[in-house]
Protein backbone atom coordinates (compact mmCIF):
# COMPACT_ATOMS: atom_id res chain seq x y z
CA UNK A 1 -0.03 0.07 0.29
CA UNK A 2 2.86 2.30 0.23
CA UNK A 3 3.02 5.09 -2.04
CA UNK A 4 5.41 7.82 -3.49
CA UNK A 5 2.61 10.29 -3.61
CA UNK A 6 0.54 11.40 -0.79
CA UNK A 7 -3.09 11.30 -2.08
CA UNK A 8 -5.35 12.14 0.92
CA UNK A 9 -7.31 15.71 0.51
CA UNK A 10 -5.75 18.42 2.34
CA UNK A 11 -7.49 21.97 3.06
CA UNK A 12 -5.85 25.06 3.09
CA UNK A 13 -5.69 27.09 6.70
CA UNK A 14 -4.05 29.84 5.57
CA UNK A 15 -0.47 31.03 4.13
CA UNK A 16 2.87 31.39 5.99
CA UNK A 17 5.47 34.62 6.33
CA UNK A 18 6.30 33.82 2.54
CA UNK A 19 3.04 32.84 1.60
CA UNK A 20 3.37 28.61 1.80
CA UNK A 21 0.17 27.47 2.06
CA UNK A 22 -0.38 25.53 5.61
CA UNK A 23 -2.62 22.78 4.77
CA UNK A 24 -4.69 20.33 7.01
CA UNK A 25 -6.95 16.83 6.82
CA UNK A 26 -9.78 18.10 9.00
CA UNK A 27 -11.69 15.37 11.05
CA UNK A 28 -14.98 14.20 9.28
CA UNK A 29 -16.82 14.15 12.27
CA UNK A 30 -16.12 15.68 16.07
CA UNK A 31 -12.68 15.68 16.54
CA UNK A 32 -10.92 13.32 18.72
CA UNK A 33 -7.41 13.74 17.82
CA UNK A 34 -5.75 16.64 16.11
CA UNK A 35 -1.65 15.59 15.13
CA UNK A 36 0.33 18.80 14.50
CA UNK A 37 3.74 17.96 12.68
CA UNK A 38 6.71 20.43 11.57
CA UNK A 39 6.29 23.51 14.16
CA UNK A 40 9.90 23.52 13.88
CA UNK A 41 12.09 23.62 10.78
CA UNK A 42 14.21 21.77 12.13
CA UNK A 43 12.66 18.85 13.03
CA UNK A 44 11.64 17.57 9.28
CA UNK A 45 11.37 14.07 10.56
CA UNK A 46 8.08 14.74 12.45
CA UNK A 47 6.28 15.92 8.92
CA UNK A 48 8.19 13.16 7.09
CA UNK A 49 6.88 10.58 9.33
CA UNK A 50 3.65 11.78 9.16
CA UNK A 51 3.45 11.65 5.28
CA UNK A 52 5.13 7.77 5.56
CA UNK A 53 2.16 6.90 7.72
CA UNK A 54 -0.38 8.40 5.62
CA UNK A 55 1.16 7.25 2.09
CA UNK A 56 0.97 3.51 3.71
CA UNK A 57 -2.59 3.73 4.24
CA UNK A 58 -5.62 3.83 2.19
CA UNK A 59 -7.83 6.24 4.50
CA UNK A 60 -7.69 7.74 8.15
CA UNK A 61 -10.11 7.57 10.84
CA UNK A 62 -12.94 9.88 10.87
CA UNK A 63 -12.08 11.81 14.27
CA UNK A 64 -8.59 12.40 13.30
CA UNK A 65 -7.13 15.66 12.22
CA UNK A 66 -3.78 16.30 10.87
CA UNK A 67 -1.34 19.33 10.53
CA UNK A 68 1.41 17.94 8.13
CA UNK A 69 3.81 20.95 8.27
CA UNK A 70 2.82 23.84 10.60
CA UNK A 71 5.90 25.88 9.56
CA UNK A 72 6.79 25.31 6.00
CA UNK A 73 9.12 28.11 5.72
CA UNK A 74 11.41 27.00 8.21
CA UNK A 75 11.08 23.52 6.70
CA UNK A 76 12.18 24.96 3.54
CA UNK A 77 15.12 27.16 5.04
CA UNK A 78 16.16 24.66 7.42
CA UNK A 79 15.61 26.63 10.44
CA UNK A 80 13.81 26.32 13.72
CA UNK A 81 11.89 29.33 13.24
CA UNK A 82 9.81 30.65 10.67
CA UNK A 83 10.71 33.15 7.88
CA UNK A 84 10.83 35.65 10.82
CA UNK A 85 13.18 33.69 12.64
CA UNK A 86 10.69 33.21 15.63
CA UNK A 87 10.20 30.33 17.22
CA UNK A 88 6.66 29.55 16.88
CA UNK A 89 6.42 27.61 19.81
CA UNK A 90 7.43 30.21 21.72
CA UNK A 91 5.06 32.74 20.23
CA UNK A 92 1.47 31.51 21.43
CA UNK A 93 -0.68 34.15 23.16
CA UNK A 94 0.01 32.63 26.87
CA UNK A 95 0.23 34.16 30.08
CA UNK A 96 3.85 33.77 30.31
CA UNK A 97 4.94 34.79 26.79
CA UNK A 98 7.82 36.72 27.04
CA UNK A 99 9.05 39.26 24.90
CA UNK A 100 13.14 38.80 25.05
CA UNK A 101 14.51 36.11 22.89
CA UNK A 102 14.68 32.37 24.57
CA UNK A 103 17.21 29.84 23.54
CA UNK A 104 17.04 26.97 21.81
CA UNK A 105 20.69 24.11 21.67
CA UNK A 106 22.36 23.69 18.52
CA UNK A 107 22.73 19.66 19.37
CA UNK A 108 20.51 18.46 21.79
CA UNK A 109 23.03 17.09 23.87
CA UNK A 110 25.01 19.63 24.48
CA UNK A 111 25.00 23.35 26.16
CA UNK A 112 25.77 25.20 23.62
CA UNK A 113 22.24 27.87 23.33
CA UNK A 114 21.66 30.05 20.67
CA UNK A 115 19.15 33.44 20.66
CA UNK A 116 15.78 32.46 19.01
CA UNK A 117 13.02 35.30 18.67
CA UNK A 118 9.74 35.11 20.57
CA UNK A 119 8.01 37.54 18.15
CA UNK A 120 6.55 41.00 17.87
CA UNK A 121 3.82 40.34 20.55
CA UNK A 122 1.93 37.17 21.55
CA UNK A 123 0.31 35.30 18.75
CA UNK A 124 2.27 37.50 16.25
CA UNK A 125 3.38 35.36 13.74
CA UNK A 126 0.75 34.23 10.92
CA UNK A 127 1.51 30.52 11.24
CA UNK A 128 0.81 30.94 15.00
CA UNK A 129 -2.47 32.56 14.04
CA UNK A 130 -3.55 29.50 12.02
CA UNK A 131 -2.89 26.88 14.39
CA UNK A 132 -4.98 28.67 17.17
CA UNK A 133 -7.35 29.28 14.81
CA UNK A 134 -7.29 25.33 13.53
CA UNK A 135 -7.46 24.19 17.23
CA UNK A 136 -10.54 26.41 17.96
CA UNK A 137 -12.43 25.29 14.79
CA UNK A 138 -11.93 21.60 15.42
CA UNK A 139 -12.28 21.67 19.45
CA UNK A 140 -10.25 18.10 19.48
CA UNK A 141 -10.09 16.47 22.73
CA UNK A 142 -6.23 15.85 22.57
CA UNK A 143 -3.56 17.74 20.84
CA UNK A 144 -0.53 15.45 19.58
CA UNK A 145 2.39 17.56 18.77
CA UNK A 146 5.12 15.76 17.26
CA UNK A 147 8.89 16.87 17.92
CA UNK A 148 12.25 15.66 18.24
CA UNK A 149 15.03 14.42 19.40
CA UNK A 150 14.65 14.43 23.24
CA UNK A 151 12.85 10.64 22.81
CA UNK A 152 9.91 10.78 25.52
CA UNK A 153 6.06 11.21 25.70
CA UNK A 154 5.36 14.60 27.52
CA UNK A 155 2.52 14.02 28.82
CA UNK A 156 1.72 16.38 32.01
CA UNK A 157 -1.49 14.10 33.34
CA UNK A 158 0.02 10.97 32.21
CA UNK A 159 -3.18 10.11 30.88
CA UNK A 160 -4.26 6.61 29.46
CA UNK A 161 -3.20 8.10 25.96
CA UNK A 162 0.53 8.97 26.77
CA UNK A 163 0.68 5.54 29.03
CA UNK A 164 -0.22 3.50 25.54
CA UNK A 165 2.46 5.85 23.97
CA UNK A 166 4.88 4.90 26.27
CA UNK A 167 4.07 1.32 25.69
CA UNK A 168 4.03 0.93 22.19
CA UNK A 169 7.07 3.26 21.16
CA UNK A 170 9.47 2.28 23.86
CA UNK A 171 9.68 5.91 25.05
CA UNK A 172 9.78 6.99 28.56
CA UNK A 173 6.79 8.74 29.69
CA UNK A 174 7.41 12.26 31.66
CA UNK A 175 5.26 15.03 33.39
CA UNK A 176 7.67 17.61 32.47
CA UNK A 177 10.17 18.17 29.59
CA UNK A 178 12.38 19.54 32.16
CA UNK A 179 12.66 23.24 31.15
CA UNK A 180 10.74 26.45 30.75
CA UNK A 181 8.67 26.94 27.47
CA UNK A 182 7.05 30.38 27.63
CA UNK A 183 4.56 30.77 25.05
CA UNK A 184 4.21 27.27 23.94
CA UNK A 185 1.35 25.51 22.37
CA UNK A 186 1.48 23.16 25.52
CA UNK A 187 1.30 26.10 27.95
CA UNK A 188 -1.42 27.98 25.86
CA UNK A 189 -3.33 24.55 25.30
CA UNK A 190 -3.02 24.21 29.36
CA UNK A 191 -4.43 27.68 29.50
CA UNK A 192 -7.65 26.62 27.52
CA UNK A 193 -8.36 23.78 29.06
CA UNK A 194 -6.88 21.44 26.29
CA UNK A 195 -5.20 18.38 26.49
CA UNK A 196 -1.95 17.77 24.88
CA UNK A 197 0.48 14.82 24.76
CA UNK A 198 4.25 15.85 22.61
CA UNK A 199 5.83 13.19 21.14
CA UNK A 200 9.45 13.64 21.26
CA UNK A 201 11.12 11.20 18.52
CA UNK A 202 13.97 9.78 19.61
CA UNK A 203 17.38 10.89 17.94
CA UNK A 204 17.22 8.81 14.99
CA UNK A 205 17.61 8.77 11.53
CA UNK A 206 14.65 8.86 9.25
CA UNK A 207 14.54 5.65 8.18
CA UNK A 208 14.97 4.47 11.72
CA UNK A 209 12.46 6.46 12.56
CA UNK A 210 10.32 4.68 9.74
CA UNK A 211 10.45 1.42 11.20
CA UNK A 212 10.27 2.25 15.04
CA UNK A 213 7.83 5.18 14.95
CA UNK A 214 5.80 5.40 11.90
CA UNK A 215 4.07 2.12 12.43
CA UNK A 216 2.65 3.53 15.72
CA UNK A 217 1.55 6.43 13.82
CA UNK A 218 -0.33 4.29 10.99
CA UNK A 219 -2.21 2.03 14.44
CA UNK A 220 -3.34 5.81 15.62
CA UNK A 221 -4.42 6.56 11.99
CA UNK A 222 -6.31 3.50 11.48
CA UNK A 223 -8.07 4.35 14.86
CA UNK A 224 -6.37 1.48 16.76
CA UNK A 225 -5.45 3.40 19.93
CA UNK A 226 -6.93 4.85 23.33
CA UNK A 227 -7.19 8.20 21.32
CA UNK A 228 -9.99 7.48 19.07
CA UNK A 229 -11.63 4.73 21.72
CA UNK A 230 -14.47 7.41 23.44
């Protein structure tokens, strides 16, 4: 069933700073799960893994929505932030959004930190506005945000979905990522009463992830997980 082409039908939510379309597959019924990949352009493995899962299936469970790439400019430029140099995952309109730049690590296993912008104001970036609008429109029970390469399941409430992901991925379940994330999607979701789980892929090649993590995505997309058991 594996296909070279992504045949699922996408709808355009809006456009990035450079005019690239940001698309999604909306849930066909009440949205139980919204999967969001590619919010950091330096984490292309999330978008590619979702694409490989979709290209291996004839369809998608009706209560699942997917945003394949939330930061197309960053992905094209190879940058963590968008075309304005803003980390979209520090730009959400939260109570703890900070004006001054935050930092990110050049390599995840070292302490070299480089500054990255948080935007001219909370929710200032078009990509952030699009994500907020998509979440508010779809009203998901749970958001599954895909990142890398920390290799863990970050679930503040240690839910049944988080425990299931821990079991099937072999990644440790944690209630906290271990550092502050002002202006993050996770903080915004918590402030708005939305459950969110961050699936941090391990630091593996895309080929390795295709064998270790993509099969789990496929089971989720088929509806064979606690995310669609309500």
